[in-house]
Amino acid sequence: MSETFTTGETVTIGAANTRYRVEVGPYQGPGDMTFYVVSDPARTVFRTAYANAMERITPAFEVGGTVKILGETCTLLAGPFNNGVGSIWWAIRDSDGDELSSGQKDMTDYQPPAPAPETFTYNGVAYEVGATYEDAEGDLWTLEELPADERANEVWRMVGDSVRSIVSTVNLLGWFGPLTKVTD
């Protein structure tokens, strides 16, 4: 069984670096070979391609990641963009906070963006898993895991305790709230 592709995905076919857009498929061809209809980026030329010869494009960089440009760490803001003659560039923010553009060929030491934190929202307030919060009495609490709902027990731990508290989010906030996130 070959890999399944979806409409709109960008792929290459065989050893060629030409990019194609998946238009429709999959279809069963001769010898039970799976194929798709693909097009060039401008969607002016359409052709068929066997799934076993198609590969997804893996982006070299991702928005939010960081790179080094001439030794300076920069954050990727938007891209990649093609200048029309084969050169790829990105919108970046340098360490001074200036927003610029830079060619991908000048970028080294890529670091992907940090994953977004898991949050649980209760009464319009988002609580972050792994973050520490201070209650109205000055005690510190950590949300240990994403609760199923506001009544789930054993998801909060009082800082310094070795076991999770049996208190739910609704009770913790009702008894000791509000909670204020402690920043480093």
Protein backbone atom coordinates (compact mmCIF):
# COMPACT_ATOMS: atom_id res chain seq x y z
CA MET A 1 0.00 0.00 0.00
CA SER A 2 1.43 3.35 -0.99
CA GLU A 3 1.21 6.55 0.99
CA THR A 4 -2.01 8.60 0.77
CA PHE A 5 -1.86 12.25 -0.31
CA THR A 6 -4.52 14.95 -0.01
CA THR A 7 -5.68 17.63 -2.42
CA GLY A 8 -3.53 20.74 -2.20
CA GLU A 9 -0.39 19.04 -0.88
CA THR A 10 2.92 19.93 -2.51
CA VAL A 11 4.98 16.97 -3.70
CA THR A 12 7.94 16.07 -5.84
CA ILE A 13 7.95 13.14 -8.24
CA GLY A 14 10.94 10.84 -8.52
CA ALA A 15 14.39 12.42 -8.34
CA ALA A 16 13.24 15.71 -9.92
CA ASN A 17 13.05 18.80 -7.70
CA THR A 18 10.01 20.13 -9.59
CA ARG A 19 7.13 20.81 -7.22
CA TYR A 20 3.62 19.67 -8.04
CA ARG A 21 0.24 20.27 -6.40
CA VAL A 22 -1.98 17.23 -5.76
CA GLU A 23 -5.28 17.93 -7.53
CA VAL A 24 -7.35 14.72 -7.17
CA GLY A 25 -6.99 11.07 -6.28
CA PRO A 26 -6.18 8.45 -5.34
CA TYR A 27 -7.15 6.24 -8.28
CA GLN A 28 -6.31 2.61 -8.99
CA GLY A 29 -4.32 2.18 -12.19
CA PRO A 30 -2.86 -0.76 -14.08
CA GLY A 31 -1.47 -3.47 -11.82
CA ASP A 32 -3.30 -1.95 -8.83
CA MET A 33 -0.85 0.96 -8.82
CA THR A 34 -2.25 4.03 -7.02
CA PHE A 35 -1.98 7.31 -8.89
CA TYR A 36 -3.03 10.95 -8.57
CA VAL A 37 -3.61 13.90 -10.87
CA VAL A 38 -1.09 16.66 -10.10
CA SER A 39 -0.40 20.11 -11.55
CA ASP A 40 2.44 22.58 -11.78
CA PRO A 41 2.35 25.45 -9.21
CA ALA A 42 0.58 27.77 -11.69
CA ARG A 43 -2.02 25.03 -12.30
CA THR A 44 -1.52 25.29 -16.08
CA VAL A 45 -0.08 21.80 -16.73
CA PHE A 46 -1.78 18.66 -15.37
CA ARG A 47 -0.41 15.11 -15.36
CA THR A 48 -0.72 11.81 -13.53
CA ALA A 49 1.81 10.48 -11.05
CA TYR A 50 2.15 7.13 -9.29
CA ALA A 51 1.92 7.45 -5.50
CA ASN A 52 5.03 5.34 -4.94
CA ALA A 53 7.09 7.96 -6.86
CA MET A 54 5.63 10.96 -4.98
CA GLU A 55 7.22 12.55 -1.89
CA ARG A 56 5.92 15.26 0.42
CA ILE A 57 7.92 18.45 0.65
CA THR A 58 9.48 18.74 4.08
CA PRO A 59 10.05 22.40 4.86
CA ALA A 60 13.65 23.22 5.69
CA PHE A 61 12.46 25.86 8.15
CA GLU A 62 9.24 26.78 9.96
CA VAL A 63 7.80 30.15 11.00
CA GLY A 64 8.64 30.78 14.66
CA GLY A 65 11.93 28.91 14.47
CA THR A 66 15.33 30.56 14.80
CA VAL A 67 18.36 30.58 12.53
CA LYS A 68 21.84 32.08 12.55
CA ILE A 69 22.68 34.65 9.92
CA LEU A 70 26.31 35.77 10.00
CA GLY A 71 26.45 34.53 13.61
CA GLU A 72 23.38 36.48 14.77
CA THR A 73 20.27 34.62 15.98
CA CYS A 74 17.15 35.64 14.07
CA THR A 75 13.51 34.55 14.31
CA LEU A 76 11.60 33.47 11.20
CA LEU A 77 8.43 35.58 10.87
CA ALA A 78 7.01 34.55 7.47
CA GLY A 79 7.98 32.51 4.45
CA PRO A 80 9.33 30.84 2.52
CA PHE A 81 8.92 33.14 -0.47
CA ASN A 82 10.28 32.55 -3.97
CA ASN A 83 11.74 35.60 -5.69
CA GLY A 84 10.80 34.16 -9.08
CA VAL A 85 14.30 33.14 -10.13
CA GLY A 86 14.80 30.21 -7.77
CA SER A 87 16.00 32.01 -4.66
CA ILE A 88 14.08 31.45 -1.41
CA TRP A 89 13.83 34.21 1.21
CA TRP A 90 12.13 34.75 4.59
CA ALA A 91 10.89 37.68 6.66
CA ILE A 92 12.95 37.67 9.87
CA ARG A 93 13.40 39.56 13.15
CA ASP A 94 16.99 40.10 14.24
CA SER A 95 18.26 40.28 17.83
CA ASP A 96 17.72 44.08 17.88
CA GLY A 97 14.02 43.56 17.04
CA ASP A 98 14.38 44.89 13.49
CA GLU A 99 12.23 43.16 10.85
CA LEU A 100 14.16 42.36 7.67
CA SER A 101 14.36 39.77 4.93
CA SER A 102 17.08 37.24 4.30
CA GLY A 103 17.87 34.56 1.76
CA GLN A 104 17.49 31.00 2.99
CA LYS A 105 20.95 30.17 1.62
CA ASP A 106 22.46 32.46 4.30
CA MET A 107 20.74 30.66 7.20
CA THR A 108 22.42 28.08 9.44
CA ASP A 109 21.83 26.39 12.81
CA TYR A 110 18.05 26.13 12.45
CA GLN A 111 16.11 25.52 15.69
CA PRO A 112 12.40 24.68 15.36
CA PRO A 113 9.84 26.74 17.29
CA ALA A 114 8.95 25.61 20.79
CA PRO A 115 5.66 23.72 20.92
CA ALA A 116 2.68 25.71 22.14
CA PRO A 117 1.89 25.01 25.79
CA GLU A 118 -1.16 22.94 26.69
CA THR A 119 -3.79 25.06 28.37
CA PHE A 120 -7.03 24.44 30.23
CA THR A 121 -9.62 27.22 30.26
CA TYR A 122 -11.99 27.67 33.18
CA ASN A 123 -14.31 30.68 33.60
CA GLY A 124 -12.50 32.46 30.77
CA VAL A 125 -9.00 32.07 32.26
CA ALA A 126 -6.42 29.81 30.59
CA TYR A 127 -4.21 27.77 32.93
CA GLU A 128 -1.01 26.38 31.43
CA VAL A 129 0.09 22.81 32.11
CA GLY A 130 3.45 22.85 33.92
CA ALA A 131 3.17 26.50 34.99
CA THR A 132 3.20 27.60 38.64
CA TYR A 133 0.39 29.70 40.12
CA GLU A 134 0.09 31.52 43.44
CA ASP A 135 -3.22 31.34 45.32
CA ALA A 136 -4.83 34.05 47.50
CA GLU A 137 -3.03 32.71 50.59
CA GLY A 138 0.41 32.77 48.95
CA ASP A 139 0.69 29.01 48.36
CA LEU A 140 2.12 27.85 45.03
CA TRP A 141 0.38 25.30 42.79
CA THR A 142 1.35 23.60 39.52
CA LEU A 143 -1.14 22.22 37.00
CA GLU A 144 0.45 18.80 36.41
CA GLU A 145 -1.64 17.59 33.48
CA LEU A 146 -4.47 18.66 31.22
CA PRO A 147 -7.70 17.91 33.14
CA ALA A 148 -10.67 16.29 31.42
CA ASP A 149 -12.91 18.95 32.98
CA GLU A 150 -13.01 21.45 35.87
CA ARG A 151 -14.03 18.72 38.35
CA ALA A 152 -11.12 16.35 37.60
CA ASN A 153 -9.06 15.57 40.70
CA GLU A 154 -5.33 14.93 41.03
CA VAL A 155 -4.25 17.35 38.29
CA TRP A 156 -2.91 20.09 40.63
CA ARG A 157 0.11 19.73 42.93
CA MET A 158 0.97 22.12 45.73
CA VAL A 159 4.61 23.11 45.20
CA GLY A 160 6.73 21.20 47.70
CA ASP A 161 4.26 18.31 48.09
CA SER A 162 5.32 14.92 46.80
CA VAL A 163 1.79 13.84 45.80
CA ARG A 164 -0.88 15.46 43.70
CA SER A 165 -3.70 17.13 45.56
CA ILE A 166 -7.16 15.60 45.51
CA VAL A 167 -8.63 19.05 44.85
CA SER A 168 -10.24 19.85 41.49
CA THR A 169 -9.84 23.11 39.57
CA VAL A 170 -13.33 24.27 40.57
CA ASN A 171 -12.63 23.60 44.28
CA LEU A 172 -9.10 25.02 44.22
CA LEU A 173 -10.37 28.28 42.76
CA GLY A 174 -13.43 28.31 44.99
CA TRP A 175 -11.42 27.83 48.18
CA PHE A 176 -8.11 29.60 47.42
CA GLY A 177 -8.67 31.58 44.20
CA PRO A 178 -7.91 33.53 42.26
CA LEU A 179 -4.69 31.99 40.97
CA THR A 180 -1.98 34.25 39.58
CA LYS A 181 0.64 32.84 37.23
CA VAL A 182 4.16 33.11 38.63
CA THR A 183 6.60 34.35 36.00
CA ASP A 184 10.32 33.64 36.04
